[in-house]
Amino acid sequence: MPPEHSAAAALEDRPANGRKLRIFAGLAGAAVVGVVVTGIVAREKSDAHLREWTEAQSIPTVAVAPPARNALAPALSLPGRLEAYFRAPIFARVNGYVKDWKVDIGAVVKSGDLLAEIEAPDLDQQLLQARADLVNAEAAAKLAEATLKRRQTLLTQNFASQQDVDERTADLDSKNALVKAGRANVDRLEALSSYKRLVAPFDGIVTARDTDVGALINAGSAGPPMFVVSSTRKLRVYVNVPQTYVPSVKVGTQAKVSVPEYPGRSFPATVESSAQAIDVASGTTRMQLGVDNEKGELMPGSYAGVSLTLAGDNQPLRIPASALIFDKNGLRVATVGTGDRVVFRQITIARDLGREIEIATGLSPSDRVILTPPDGLAENDQVRVVSGEPRKPAPTASNVQDGKG
């Protein structure tokens, strides 16, 4: 090919290559711009998502529930103590020594049965002296009476004066008074002497004996009783009922008594009386129940569990123990009010059931109680309420970062 033709062809190809280069450069620039714009948009979306997640995490999510009442069992379980319906500590009324005792602990006795005899030589001598003084007084009274009769006869014959008769009459009255005093002293000492025999005051069981033959006995109740006789055919059960439950436990309320020695068994009982007063120290009212013990299966003095059947619907509200908040402001419960805002309630506890707490005052059945309040919760804070449905897991920071690209 001639050189002229080659130069002309080269000049014709230069504009075409320049256009291609410009088109390629334009496409490459558009691609770069697209990549930059896409990255900026993706980052903005990621930042917006992160802000939404942060705002969502700043509002605590809480589970709420109203205080429970209808699920409360209609029975109140309390500890109690069994006591004999009649219990008589037997003390000595005279000083002396134990001559003999007839019954030991566990013995069944009837009213009037001999428990023990006391030998009281001092009392015996006093009684002998009193009887002798009485005989002397009676003899002096008889002599005074005979003398008065003779003086009265002489007065009718004008051989005695009226003053002499009056003096003899006064002397007879004095002697009769000494006779009465002597007889009263003898009766007193005989009554004391009868106390040398210690007898059972009623039908029952000897539950204690704290004496033995030859023991020195002092009259009075300064020391321990010689015997204790208890009537166990019917027992008393004493329980302390919390103030909140007192209106629901009335006289005649039925109850069940259980004791450790008979697991799985219960004995029927009835509320017989109430103290009608609140003990300041414990905030409870003492109540007495009666339980039949004709078979002698229950023992006085033993511990018992008492289950009382509650009357009426005056039952306290219950909340989980995890809902309690105790801080410098006292005992409180966090509730959710209008607009899902936190409202704190001051409460008082009626009874601690372990996992659940019975509330005496401070809550109403319509309150929405936060079951597990988070740390740092303050009055009027905004919360997100979960109502009984499984809680969905909130997005994590790692998930948000992964969406940035």
Protein backbone atom coordinates (compact mmCIF):
# COMPACT_ATOMS: atom_id res chain seq x y z
CA MET A 1 0.00 0.00 0.00
CA PRO A 2 1.35 3.40 -0.82
CA PRO A 3 2.45 5.59 2.08
CA GLU A 4 -0.13 8.23 1.31
CA HIS A 5 -2.99 5.80 1.87
CA SER A 6 -1.57 4.56 5.25
CA ALA A 7 -1.36 8.06 6.65
CA ALA A 8 -4.90 8.89 5.57
CA ALA A 9 -6.27 5.73 7.27
CA ALA A 10 -4.48 6.56 10.50
CA LEU A 11 -5.96 10.01 10.55
CA GLU A 12 -9.44 8.56 10.05
CA ASP A 13 -9.03 6.06 13.04
CA ARG A 14 -7.95 8.73 15.60
CA PRO A 15 -11.40 10.38 16.07
CA ALA A 16 -13.04 6.99 16.48
CA ASN A 17 -10.61 5.92 19.26
CA GLY A 18 -11.07 9.27 21.05
CA ARG A 19 -14.81 8.81 21.13
CA LYS A 20 -14.43 5.32 22.55
CA LEU A 21 -12.10 6.57 25.23
CA ARG A 22 -14.50 9.34 26.20
CA ILE A 23 -17.44 6.91 26.32
CA PHE A 24 -15.45 4.47 28.48
CA ALA A 25 -14.35 7.24 30.79
CA GLY A 26 -17.93 8.44 31.14
CA LEU A 27 -19.15 4.97 31.97
CA ALA A 28 -16.38 4.46 34.46
CA GLY A 29 -17.16 7.79 36.15
CA ALA A 30 -20.86 6.95 36.29
CA ALA A 31 -20.02 3.61 37.87
CA VAL A 32 -17.84 5.24 40.49
CA VAL A 33 -20.54 7.79 41.28
CA GLY A 34 -23.11 4.99 41.55
CA VAL A 35 -20.91 3.05 43.94
CA VAL A 36 -20.33 6.13 46.11
CA VAL A 37 -24.01 7.06 46.16
CA THR A 38 -25.02 3.49 46.99
CA GLY A 39 -22.53 3.37 49.88
CA ILE A 40 -23.72 6.71 51.25
CA VAL A 41 -27.37 5.63 51.07
CA ALA A 42 -26.62 2.29 52.71
CA ARG A 43 -24.69 4.00 55.52
CA GLU A 44 -27.51 6.49 56.07
CA LYS A 45 -30.00 3.63 56.30
CA SER A 46 -27.74 1.76 58.73
CA ASP A 47 -27.33 4.87 60.88
CA ALA A 48 -31.09 5.42 60.88
CA HIS A 49 -31.62 1.77 61.89
CA LEU A 50 -29.06 2.11 64.66
CA ARG A 51 -30.77 5.25 65.95
CA GLU A 52 -34.14 3.45 65.95
CA TRP A 53 -32.64 0.50 67.81
CA THR A 54 -30.99 2.79 70.36
CA GLU A 55 -34.24 4.67 70.94
CA ALA A 56 -36.10 1.37 71.24
CA GLN A 57 -33.59 0.06 73.75
CA SER A 58 -33.85 3.23 75.85
CA ILE A 59 -37.51 2.40 76.66
CA PRO A 60 -37.55 -0.60 79.04
CA THR A 61 -39.86 -3.49 78.23
CA VAL A 62 -41.77 -4.75 81.26
CA ALA A 63 -44.24 -7.54 81.96
CA VAL A 64 -47.32 -6.50 83.92
CA ALA A 65 -50.20 -8.31 85.57
CA PRO A 66 -53.01 -7.30 87.95
CA PRO A 67 -52.81 -8.45 91.59
CA ALA A 68 -54.25 -11.93 92.06
CA ARG A 69 -57.20 -12.53 94.35
CA ASN A 70 -59.54 -15.19 93.01
CA ALA A 71 -56.77 -17.81 92.96
CA LEU A 72 -56.29 -17.51 96.72
CA ALA A 73 -57.19 -20.65 98.58
CA PRO A 74 -60.14 -20.08 100.98
CA ALA A 75 -58.11 -21.41 103.90
CA LEU A 76 -55.55 -19.76 106.15
CA SER A 77 -52.75 -21.92 107.54
CA LEU A 78 -51.22 -20.82 110.84
CA PRO A 79 -49.08 -22.41 113.55
CA GLY A 80 -50.82 -23.17 116.83
CA ARG A 81 -50.30 -24.75 120.22
CA LEU A 82 -52.43 -27.47 121.83
CA GLU A 83 -53.38 -27.00 125.48
CA ALA A 84 -55.50 -29.02 127.87
CA TYR A 85 -59.04 -27.74 128.20
CA PHE A 86 -58.64 -27.89 131.99
CA ARG A 87 -55.22 -27.93 133.63
CA ALA A 88 -54.63 -27.84 137.38
CA PRO A 89 -51.18 -27.55 138.96
CA ILE A 90 -51.43 -29.20 142.39
CA PHE A 91 -49.56 -27.38 145.20
CA ALA A 92 -49.40 -28.20 148.90
CA ARG A 93 -51.42 -26.14 151.37
CA VAL A 94 -49.48 -27.41 154.41
CA ASN A 95 -45.82 -27.70 155.38
CA GLY A 96 -44.41 -31.15 155.89
CA TYR A 97 -42.87 -34.16 154.18
CA VAL A 98 -44.19 -36.41 151.43
CA LYS A 99 -45.38 -39.56 153.14
CA ASP A 100 -46.37 -41.40 149.98
CA TRP A 101 -47.49 -40.72 146.38
CA LYS A 102 -50.05 -42.92 144.67
CA VAL A 103 -49.97 -42.00 140.97
CA ASP A 104 -47.28 -41.29 138.41
CA ILE A 105 -47.24 -39.44 135.08
CA GLY A 106 -49.67 -40.80 132.53
CA ALA A 107 -52.04 -42.17 135.15
CA VAL A 108 -55.74 -41.70 134.47
CA VAL A 109 -57.47 -40.35 137.57
CA LYS A 110 -61.03 -39.59 138.59
CA SER A 111 -62.23 -36.63 140.58
CA GLY A 112 -61.32 -37.19 144.27
CA ASP A 113 -58.69 -39.87 143.66
CA LEU A 114 -55.76 -39.71 146.11
CA LEU A 115 -52.54 -38.42 144.54
CA ALA A 116 -50.23 -38.22 147.55
CA GLU A 117 -50.17 -37.86 151.34
CA ILE A 118 -48.19 -35.33 153.34
CA GLU A 119 -46.95 -35.90 156.86
CA ALA A 120 -47.27 -32.63 158.86
CA PRO A 121 -46.33 -33.16 162.56
CA ASP A 122 -46.37 -29.44 163.34
CA LEU A 123 -49.92 -29.12 162.07
CA ASP A 124 -50.98 -32.20 164.02
CA GLN A 125 -49.68 -30.69 167.26
CA GLN A 126 -51.39 -27.39 166.56
CA LEU A 127 -54.65 -29.23 166.03
CA LEU A 128 -54.27 -31.12 169.33
CA GLN A 129 -53.59 -27.87 171.15
CA ALA A 130 -56.56 -26.18 169.53
CA ARG A 131 -58.85 -29.01 170.54
CA ALA A 132 -57.58 -28.87 174.11
CA ASP A 133 -58.13 -25.09 174.18
CA LEU A 134 -61.64 -25.63 172.92
CA VAL A 135 -62.40 -28.15 175.68
CA ASN A 136 -61.04 -25.68 178.24
CA ALA A 137 -63.17 -22.87 176.84
CA GLU A 138 -66.27 -25.06 176.84
CA ALA A 139 -65.69 -26.03 180.49
CA ALA A 140 -65.24 -22.38 181.49
CA ALA A 141 -68.44 -21.50 179.64
CA LYS A 142 -70.38 -24.20 181.45
CA LEU A 143 -69.11 -22.96 184.83
CA ALA A 144 -70.03 -19.37 183.94
CA GLU A 145 -73.52 -20.51 182.91
CA ALA A 146 -74.04 -22.44 186.18
CA THR A 147 -72.79 -19.47 188.23
CA LEU A 148 -75.18 -17.15 186.43
CA LYS A 149 -78.13 -19.41 187.14
CA ARG A 150 -77.30 -19.48 190.88
CA ARG A 151 -76.95 -15.70 190.96
CA GLN A 152 -80.33 -15.33 189.27
CA THR A 153 -81.91 -17.60 191.92
CA LEU A 154 -80.32 -15.59 194.72
CA LEU A 155 -81.52 -12.39 193.09
CA THR A 156 -85.14 -13.53 193.45
CA GLN A 157 -84.49 -14.12 197.15
CA ASN A 158 -82.77 -10.75 197.57
CA PHE A 159 -79.43 -12.43 198.44
CA ALA A 160 -77.64 -11.08 195.33
CA SER A 161 -77.56 -7.73 193.61
CA GLN A 162 -78.53 -6.96 190.04
CA GLN A 163 -74.98 -5.81 189.29
CA ASP A 164 -73.65 -9.21 190.33
CA VAL A 165 -76.08 -10.88 187.94
CA ASP A 166 -75.07 -8.53 185.11
CA GLU A 167 -71.38 -9.26 185.69
CA ARG A 168 -72.03 -13.00 185.55
CA THR A 169 -74.03 -12.57 182.35
CA ALA A 170 -71.19 -10.65 180.71
CA ASP A 171 -68.71 -13.29 181.88
CA LEU A 172 -70.86 -16.03 180.30
CA ASP A 173 -70.99 -14.12 177.00
CA SER A 174 -67.21 -13.78 177.05
CA LYS A 175 -66.75 -17.48 177.74
CA ASN A 176 -69.16 -18.39 174.91
CA ALA A 177 -67.19 -16.13 172.56
CA LEU A 178 -63.99 -17.95 173.52
CA VAL A 179 -65.73 -21.24 172.76
CA LYS A 180 -66.69 -20.02 169.29
CA ALA A 181 -63.17 -18.78 168.64
CA GLY A 182 -61.72 -22.08 169.80
CA ARG A 183 -64.14 -24.04 167.65
CA ALA A 184 -63.31 -21.87 164.60
CA ASN A 185 -59.61 -22.46 165.18
CA VAL A 186 -60.18 -26.21 165.42
CA ASP A 187 -62.23 -26.14 162.20
CA ARG A 188 -59.48 -24.16 160.44
CA LEU A 189 -56.76 -26.57 161.49
CA GLU A 190 -58.93 -29.57 160.59
CA ALA A 191 -59.49 -28.05 157.14
CA LEU A 192 -55.73 -27.58 156.77
CA SER A 193 -55.18 -31.11 157.98
CA SER A 194 -57.45 -32.39 155.23
CA TYR A 195 -55.01 -30.88 152.70
CA LYS A 196 -52.46 -33.45 153.79
CA ARG A 197 -54.28 -35.62 151.28
CA LEU A 198 -53.78 -34.34 147.73
CA VAL A 199 -56.68 -35.40 145.49
CA ALA A 200 -57.51 -34.97 141.81
CA PRO A 201 -59.81 -31.98 141.23
CA PHE A 202 -61.44 -33.49 138.11
CA ASP A 203 -61.23 -36.44 135.76
CA GLY A 204 -58.05 -36.34 133.73
CA ILE A 205 -54.47 -37.49 133.30
CA VAL A 206 -51.46 -36.83 135.50
CA THR A 207 -49.17 -34.98 133.09
CA ALA A 208 -46.45 -34.05 135.60
CA ARG A 209 -45.09 -35.27 138.95
CA ASP A 210 -42.32 -33.29 140.66
CA THR A 211 -42.05 -34.81 144.12
CA ASP A 212 -40.95 -37.98 145.86
CA VAL A 213 -41.18 -39.72 149.22
CA GLY A 214 -39.48 -37.75 152.00
CA ALA A 215 -39.32 -34.50 150.05
CA LEU A 216 -39.72 -31.34 152.14
CA ILE A 217 -42.92 -29.55 151.20
CA ASN A 218 -43.58 -25.85 151.75
CA ALA A 219 -47.10 -24.51 151.53
CA GLY A 220 -47.82 -22.15 148.65
CA SER A 221 -47.04 -21.86 144.95
CA ALA A 222 -43.52 -20.48 145.11
CA GLY A 223 -41.93 -23.64 143.72
CA PRO A 224 -42.94 -26.15 141.07
CA PRO A 225 -46.26 -27.96 141.49
CA MET A 226 -46.21 -31.43 143.00
CA PHE A 227 -48.55 -32.75 140.31
CA VAL A 228 -50.27 -31.43 137.20
CA VAL A 229 -53.63 -32.91 136.29
CA SER A 230 -54.97 -32.17 132.79
CA SER A 231 -58.31 -32.88 131.22
CA THR A 232 -57.53 -34.01 127.66
CA ARG A 233 -60.89 -35.26 126.39
CA LYS A 234 -61.16 -31.88 124.72
CA LEU A 235 -58.24 -29.60 123.90
CA ARG A 236 -57.83 -25.90 123.29
CA VAL A 237 -55.86 -24.69 120.27
CA TYR A 238 -54.47 -21.14 120.36
CA VAL A 239 -53.53 -19.34 117.14
CA ASN A 240 -52.55 -15.75 116.36
CA VAL A 241 -54.55 -14.53 113.36
CA PRO A 242 -53.12 -11.58 111.34
CA GLN A 243 -55.19 -8.42 111.56
CA THR A 244 -56.12 -8.59 107.86
CA TYR A 245 -57.85 -11.95 108.32
CA VAL A 246 -59.67 -11.25 111.60
CA PRO A 247 -62.98 -10.20 109.91
CA SER A 248 -62.94 -13.47 107.93
CA VAL A 249 -62.41 -15.70 110.99
CA LYS A 250 -65.55 -15.56 113.11
CA VAL A 251 -66.66 -17.56 116.14
CA GLY A 252 -67.96 -20.86 114.80
CA THR A 253 -65.52 -20.97 111.87
CA GLN A 254 -64.51 -24.51 111.02
CA ALA A 255 -60.86 -25.51 110.98
CA LYS A 256 -58.57 -28.50 110.63
CA VAL A 257 -55.74 -29.33 113.01
CA SER A 258 -52.73 -31.41 111.99
CA VAL A 259 -49.81 -32.58 114.12
CA PRO A 260 -46.39 -33.95 113.08
CA GLU A 261 -46.93 -37.33 114.72
CA TYR A 262 -49.89 -38.10 112.43
CA PRO A 263 -48.79 -37.12 108.91
CA GLY A 264 -51.61 -36.95 106.41
CA ARG A 265 -54.30 -36.79 109.09
CA SER A 266 -56.34 -33.84 110.29
CA PHE A 267 -58.69 -33.31 113.22
CA PRO A 268 -61.79 -31.08 113.01
CA ALA A 269 -61.86 -27.99 115.22
CA THR A 270 -64.11 -24.98 115.77
CA VAL A 271 -63.27 -21.38 116.66
CA GLU A 272 -64.75 -20.82 120.14
CA SER A 273 -63.60 -17.34 121.13
CA SER A 274 -61.49 -14.37 120.09
CA ALA A 275 -59.48 -11.91 122.15
CA GLN A 276 -61.18 -9.05 120.25
CA ALA A 277 -57.95 -7.05 120.47
CA ILE A 278 -54.82 -6.63 118.37
CA ASP A 279 -51.45 -7.37 119.91
CA VAL A 280 -49.27 -4.32 119.25
CA ALA A 281 -46.04 -6.31 118.97
CA SER A 282 -47.23 -8.88 116.41
CA GLY A 283 -50.27 -7.24 114.80
CA THR A 284 -52.34 -10.36 115.43
CA THR A 285 -55.44 -11.40 117.37
CA ARG A 286 -55.33 -14.44 119.65
CA MET A 287 -58.13 -16.93 118.98
CA GLN A 288 -59.12 -20.12 120.75
CA LEU A 289 -60.33 -23.26 119.00
CA GLY A 290 -61.76 -26.41 120.52
CA VAL A 291 -60.85 -29.86 119.20
CA ASP A 292 -62.31 -33.16 120.36
CA ASN A 293 -59.78 -35.62 121.80
CA GLU A 294 -61.99 -38.39 123.09
CA LYS A 295 -59.54 -41.06 121.88
CA GLY A 296 -56.57 -39.30 123.46
CA GLU A 297 -54.58 -39.14 120.23
CA LEU A 298 -53.58 -35.49 120.64
CA MET A 299 -51.21 -34.38 123.38
CA PRO A 300 -51.42 -31.04 125.20
CA GLY A 301 -48.44 -28.76 124.77
CA SER A 302 -47.62 -30.00 121.27
CA TYR A 303 -47.19 -27.94 118.11
CA ALA A 304 -50.05 -28.02 115.61
CA GLY A 305 -50.78 -26.68 112.15
CA VAL A 306 -54.19 -25.01 111.94
CA SER A 307 -56.02 -24.52 108.64
CA LEU A 308 -58.86 -22.02 109.06
CA THR A 309 -61.71 -21.77 106.56
CA LEU A 310 -62.07 -18.10 105.64
CA ALA A 311 -65.52 -16.54 105.49
CA GLY A 312 -66.58 -13.88 102.99
CA ASP A 313 -64.49 -12.36 100.21
CA ASN A 314 -62.30 -10.09 102.28
CA GLN A 315 -59.12 -11.66 100.96
CA PRO A 316 -55.90 -9.71 100.41
CA LEU A 317 -54.32 -9.21 97.00
CA ARG A 318 -51.27 -11.21 95.98
CA ILE A 319 -48.28 -10.21 93.88
CA PRO A 320 -44.99 -11.99 93.05
CA ALA A 321 -42.17 -11.32 95.49
CA SER A 322 -40.06 -10.12 92.55
CA ALA A 323 -42.35 -7.08 92.20
CA LEU A 324 -41.28 -5.59 95.54
CA ILE A 325 -38.95 -2.57 95.59
CA PHE A 326 -37.28 -1.64 98.87
CA ASP A 327 -35.15 1.49 98.90
CA LYS A 328 -34.77 4.78 100.77
CA ASN A 329 -38.42 5.55 99.97
CA GLY A 330 -39.62 2.44 101.79
CA LEU A 331 -41.47 -0.59 100.49
CA ARG A 332 -43.03 0.09 97.09
CA VAL A 333 -44.47 -1.55 94.01
CA ALA A 334 -44.07 -0.18 90.45
CA THR A 335 -47.28 -0.03 88.42
CA VAL A 336 -48.05 1.16 84.87
CA GLY A 337 -50.49 4.08 84.68
CA THR A 338 -51.97 6.19 81.93
CA GLY A 339 -49.83 6.48 78.81
CA ASP A 340 -47.68 3.51 79.90
CA ARG A 341 -45.96 5.70 82.49
CA VAL A 342 -44.48 4.29 85.74
CA VAL A 343 -46.38 5.02 88.97
CA PHE A 344 -44.99 3.84 92.33
CA ARG A 345 -47.33 2.65 95.11
CA GLN A 346 -46.47 2.52 98.81
CA ILE A 347 -47.68 -0.82 100.21
CA THR A 348 -47.89 -2.80 103.44
CA ILE A 349 -47.50 -6.57 103.57
CA ALA A 350 -50.14 -8.82 105.11
CA ARG A 351 -48.23 -12.10 104.84
CA ASP A 352 -45.07 -13.39 103.19
CA LEU A 353 -45.77 -16.63 101.31
CA GLY A 354 -42.26 -17.01 99.87
CA ARG A 355 -42.63 -16.59 96.13
CA GLU A 356 -45.77 -14.52 96.59
CA ILE A 357 -46.65 -11.66 98.91
CA GLU A 358 -50.09 -10.82 100.26
CA ILE A 359 -50.70 -7.08 100.25
CA ALA A 360 -52.66 -5.44 103.05
CA THR A 361 -52.86 -1.88 101.70
CA GLY A 362 -51.61 0.17 98.76
CA LEU A 363 -52.94 -1.71 95.72
CA SER A 364 -56.29 -2.15 94.00
CA PRO A 365 -57.39 -5.07 91.79
CA SER A 366 -57.25 -2.83 88.68
CA ASP A 367 -53.57 -1.85 89.07
CA ARG A 368 -51.09 -3.13 86.49
CA VAL A 369 -48.12 -4.29 88.55
CA ILE A 370 -44.67 -4.57 86.96
CA LEU A 371 -43.67 -8.12 87.78
CA THR A 372 -39.88 -7.59 87.61
CA PRO A 373 -39.01 -3.88 87.67
CA PRO A 374 -35.63 -3.09 86.03
CA ASP A 375 -32.92 -1.19 87.88
CA GLY A 376 -32.98 2.58 87.63
CA LEU A 377 -36.73 2.78 87.02
CA ALA A 378 -38.04 6.19 88.04
CA GLU A 379 -41.43 7.80 88.54
CA ASN A 380 -43.20 8.72 85.25
CA ASP A 381 -40.71 6.79 83.08
CA GLN A 382 -42.01 5.54 79.72
CA VAL A 383 -42.17 1.74 79.44
CA ARG A 384 -43.17 -0.78 76.83
CA VAL A 385 -45.76 -3.21 78.22
CA VAL A 386 -45.76 -6.93 77.51
CA SER A 387 -49.16 -8.44 78.22
CA GLY A 388 -48.77 -12.12 78.75
CA GLU A 389 -47.37 -12.98 75.31
CA PRO A 390 -43.86 -14.40 74.83
CA ARG A 391 -41.40 -11.57 74.73
CA LYS A 392 -39.79 -11.10 71.29
CA PRO A 393 -36.02 -10.68 71.32
CA ALA A 394 -34.95 -7.11 70.63
CA PRO A 395 -32.44 -6.46 67.82
CA THR A 396 -28.85 -6.53 68.96
CA ALA A 397 -26.10 -4.08 68.16
CA SER A 398 -24.21 -6.74 66.20
CA ASN A 399 -27.22 -7.28 63.93
CA VAL A 400 -27.43 -3.55 63.24
CA GLN A 401 -23.76 -3.29 62.41
CA ASP A 402 -24.00 -6.24 60.04
CA GLY A 403 -26.50 -4.32 57.88
CA LYS A 404 -24.09 -1.50 57.14
CA GLY A 405 -22.36 -3.30 54.24
